[in-house]
Amino acid sequence: MKKLLLLAFLILLLSGNAFGGQKYNPYNNTWETTRDNSTMKYNPYNNAWGYEQPDSTMEYNPYNNSWDYN
């Protein structure tokens, strides 16, 4: 029984790390699943804040007619 409980605990512990961290976005009052090193960035074309990688840059996507971080 102890082995089963330990196994269940390890599975829950490891599954949380697979998705990254949860960070609160105060601009739209939601929690976002992000990587641990993500920072808050503003997209002036969509007028929206979101968590993006620190080295990401804005690029134009002609197929969607939008500016996105990559």
N, C-alpha and C. Protein backbone atom coordinates (compact mmCIF):
# COMPACT_ATOMS: atom_id res chain seq x y z
N MET A 1 0.82 -1.19 0.00
CA MET A 1 0.00 0.00 0.00
C MET A 1 0.87 1.26 0.00
N LYS A 2 1.97 1.21 0.75
CA LYS A 2 2.86 2.37 0.78
C LYS A 2 3.53 2.59 -0.57
N LYS A 3 3.85 1.50 -1.26
CA LYS A 3 4.47 1.62 -2.57
C LYS A 3 3.51 2.23 -3.58
N LEU A 4 2.24 1.86 -3.49
CA LEU A 4 1.24 2.41 -4.40
C LEU A 4 1.04 3.90 -4.13
N LEU A 5 1.00 4.28 -2.88
CA LEU A 5 0.85 5.69 -2.52
C LEU A 5 2.07 6.49 -2.97
N LEU A 6 3.25 5.94 -2.80
CA LEU A 6 4.47 6.61 -3.24
C LEU A 6 4.49 6.76 -4.76
N LEU A 7 4.08 5.74 -5.47
CA LEU A 7 4.02 5.79 -6.93
C LEU A 7 3.03 6.85 -7.40
N ALA A 8 1.86 6.92 -6.79
CA ALA A 8 0.86 7.92 -7.16
C ALA A 8 1.38 9.33 -6.88
N PHE A 9 2.07 9.51 -5.77
CA PHE A 9 2.64 10.81 -5.43
C PHE A 9 3.70 11.23 -6.44
N LEU A 10 4.55 10.31 -6.84
CA LEU A 10 5.59 10.63 -7.83
C LEU A 10 4.99 10.98 -9.19
N ILE A 11 3.96 10.29 -9.59
CA ILE A 11 3.31 10.60 -10.87
C ILE A 11 2.70 11.99 -10.83
N LEU A 12 2.05 12.36 -9.76
CA LEU A 12 1.48 13.70 -9.65
C LEU A 12 2.56 14.77 -9.60
N LEU A 13 3.64 14.47 -8.92
CA LEU A 13 4.74 15.43 -8.82
C LEU A 13 5.40 15.67 -10.17
N LEU A 14 5.63 14.62 -10.92
CA LEU A 14 6.30 14.75 -12.20
C LEU A 14 5.39 15.30 -13.29
N SER A 15 4.11 15.04 -13.22
CA SER A 15 3.20 15.53 -14.26
C SER A 15 3.04 17.04 -14.19
N GLY A 16 3.18 17.65 -13.04
CA GLY A 16 3.08 19.09 -12.93
C GLY A 16 4.23 19.80 -13.59
N ASN A 17 5.40 19.21 -13.62
CA ASN A 17 6.56 19.84 -14.23
C ASN A 17 6.54 19.74 -15.75
N ALA A 18 5.74 18.88 -16.31
CA ALA A 18 5.70 18.72 -17.76
C ALA A 18 5.04 19.91 -18.45
N PHE A 19 4.19 20.62 -17.77
CA PHE A 19 3.45 21.73 -18.38
C PHE A 19 4.08 23.09 -18.14
N GLY A 20 5.03 23.19 -17.24
CA GLY A 20 5.62 24.48 -16.92
C GLY A 20 4.93 25.08 -15.71
N GLY A 21 5.08 26.36 -15.56
CA GLY A 21 4.53 27.03 -14.39
C GLY A 21 3.25 27.77 -14.68
N GLN A 22 2.54 28.06 -13.64
CA GLN A 22 1.33 28.87 -13.74
C GLN A 22 1.69 30.28 -13.29
N LYS A 23 1.38 31.26 -14.13
CA LYS A 23 1.63 32.66 -13.80
C LYS A 23 0.35 33.45 -14.00
N TYR A 24 0.15 34.42 -13.13
CA TYR A 24 -1.05 35.25 -13.19
C TYR A 24 -0.81 36.44 -14.11
N ASN A 25 -1.74 36.68 -15.02
CA ASN A 25 -1.69 37.82 -15.91
C ASN A 25 -2.64 38.88 -15.36
N PRO A 26 -2.10 39.94 -14.74
CA PRO A 26 -2.97 40.95 -14.13
C PRO A 26 -3.71 41.82 -15.13
N TYR A 27 -3.32 41.81 -16.39
CA TYR A 27 -3.96 42.66 -17.39
C TYR A 27 -5.27 42.07 -17.91
N ASN A 28 -5.38 40.74 -17.93
CA ASN A 28 -6.66 40.15 -18.33
C ASN A 28 -7.23 39.23 -17.25
N ASN A 29 -6.64 39.28 -16.04
CA ASN A 29 -7.15 38.57 -14.86
C ASN A 29 -7.32 37.07 -15.09
N THR A 30 -6.31 36.45 -15.70
CA THR A 30 -6.35 35.00 -15.92
C THR A 30 -5.01 34.39 -15.53
N TRP A 31 -5.03 33.10 -15.28
CA TRP A 31 -3.80 32.33 -15.05
C TRP A 31 -3.39 31.70 -16.37
N GLU A 32 -2.08 31.76 -16.68
CA GLU A 32 -1.58 31.21 -17.92
C GLU A 32 -0.53 30.15 -17.63
N THR A 33 -0.55 29.08 -18.40
CA THR A 33 0.48 28.05 -18.29
C THR A 33 1.65 28.47 -19.17
N THR A 34 2.79 28.71 -18.55
CA THR A 34 3.96 29.22 -19.27
C THR A 34 5.20 28.46 -18.85
N ARG A 35 6.27 28.71 -19.56
CA ARG A 35 7.56 28.20 -19.14
C ARG A 35 8.05 29.04 -17.96
N ASP A 36 8.98 28.49 -17.22
CA ASP A 36 9.44 29.17 -16.00
C ASP A 36 10.15 30.49 -16.27
N ASN A 37 10.81 30.63 -17.40
CA ASN A 37 11.57 31.85 -17.67
C ASN A 37 10.79 32.86 -18.52
N SER A 38 9.51 32.70 -18.67
CA SER A 38 8.70 33.62 -19.48
C SER A 38 8.55 34.96 -18.79
N THR A 39 8.48 36.01 -19.60
CA THR A 39 8.28 37.35 -19.08
C THR A 39 7.04 37.97 -19.74
N MET A 40 6.49 38.95 -19.09
CA MET A 40 5.30 39.63 -19.60
C MET A 40 5.70 40.58 -20.72
N LYS A 41 5.04 40.46 -21.87
CA LYS A 41 5.32 41.33 -23.01
C LYS A 41 4.01 41.87 -23.57
N TYR A 42 4.10 43.05 -24.14
CA TYR A 42 2.92 43.71 -24.71
C TYR A 42 2.94 43.58 -26.23
N ASN A 43 1.80 43.24 -26.81
CA ASN A 43 1.64 43.18 -28.25
C ASN A 43 0.80 44.39 -28.66
N PRO A 44 1.43 45.44 -29.19
CA PRO A 44 0.68 46.66 -29.52
C PRO A 44 -0.30 46.49 -30.67
N TYR A 45 -0.11 45.48 -31.50
CA TYR A 45 -1.00 45.28 -32.63
C TYR A 45 -2.32 44.63 -32.21
N ASN A 46 -2.26 43.78 -31.19
CA ASN A 46 -3.47 43.13 -30.67
C ASN A 46 -3.97 43.81 -29.40
N ASN A 47 -3.21 44.79 -28.91
CA ASN A 47 -3.54 45.49 -27.68
C ASN A 47 -3.73 44.48 -26.53
N ALA A 48 -2.75 43.58 -26.38
CA ALA A 48 -2.86 42.51 -25.39
C ALA A 48 -1.51 42.24 -24.73
N TRP A 49 -1.58 41.85 -23.45
CA TRP A 49 -0.40 41.43 -22.71
C TRP A 49 -0.40 39.92 -22.61
N GLY A 50 0.80 39.33 -22.64
CA GLY A 50 0.91 37.89 -22.49
C GLY A 50 2.32 37.49 -22.11
N TYR A 51 2.47 36.27 -21.63
CA TYR A 51 3.78 35.76 -21.26
C TYR A 51 4.45 35.16 -22.49
N GLU A 52 5.66 35.61 -22.77
CA GLU A 52 6.44 35.15 -23.91
C GLU A 52 7.86 34.87 -23.45
N GLN A 53 8.62 34.17 -24.28
CA GLN A 53 10.02 33.91 -23.98
C GLN A 53 10.81 35.22 -24.05
N PRO A 54 11.86 35.37 -23.22
CA PRO A 54 12.61 36.63 -23.21
C PRO A 54 13.26 36.98 -24.54
N ASP A 55 13.65 35.99 -25.32
CA ASP A 55 14.32 36.27 -26.58
C ASP A 55 13.37 36.27 -27.79
N SER A 56 12.08 36.25 -27.56
CA SER A 56 11.12 36.23 -28.66
C SER A 56 10.99 37.62 -29.28
N THR A 57 10.68 37.64 -30.56
CA THR A 57 10.52 38.90 -31.29
C THR A 57 9.19 38.88 -32.03
N MET A 58 8.74 40.07 -32.39
CA MET A 58 7.50 40.20 -33.15
C MET A 58 7.77 39.93 -34.62
N GLU A 59 6.89 39.13 -35.24
CA GLU A 59 6.98 38.87 -36.67
C GLU A 59 5.58 38.93 -37.27
N TYR A 60 5.53 39.40 -38.49
CA TYR A 60 4.25 39.49 -39.19
C TYR A 60 3.91 38.15 -39.82
N ASN A 61 2.68 37.69 -39.63
CA ASN A 61 2.19 36.46 -40.23
C ASN A 61 1.22 36.85 -41.35
N PRO A 62 1.65 36.77 -42.61
CA PRO A 62 0.78 37.21 -43.71
C PRO A 62 -0.43 36.32 -43.93
N TYR A 63 -0.38 35.07 -43.46
CA TYR A 63 -1.51 34.17 -43.66
C TYR A 63 -2.68 34.49 -42.73
N ASN A 64 -2.34 34.96 -41.51
CA ASN A 64 -3.39 35.35 -40.56
C ASN A 64 -3.58 36.84 -40.48
N ASN A 65 -2.73 37.59 -41.21
CA ASN A 65 -2.78 39.05 -41.18
C ASN A 65 -2.65 39.56 -39.74
N SER A 66 -1.64 39.05 -39.01
CA SER A 66 -1.45 39.45 -37.62
C SER A 66 0.03 39.46 -37.26
N TRP A 67 0.33 40.17 -36.19
CA TRP A 67 1.68 40.22 -35.63
C TRP A 67 1.70 39.30 -34.41
N ASP A 68 2.67 38.38 -34.38
CA ASP A 68 2.76 37.42 -33.28
C ASP A 68 4.20 37.31 -32.80
N TYR A 69 4.34 36.90 -31.53
CA TYR A 69 5.66 36.57 -31.01
C TYR A 69 6.05 35.19 -31.46
N ASN A 70 7.33 35.00 -31.75
CA ASN A 70 7.80 33.65 -32.10
C ASN A 70 8.98 33.27 -31.26
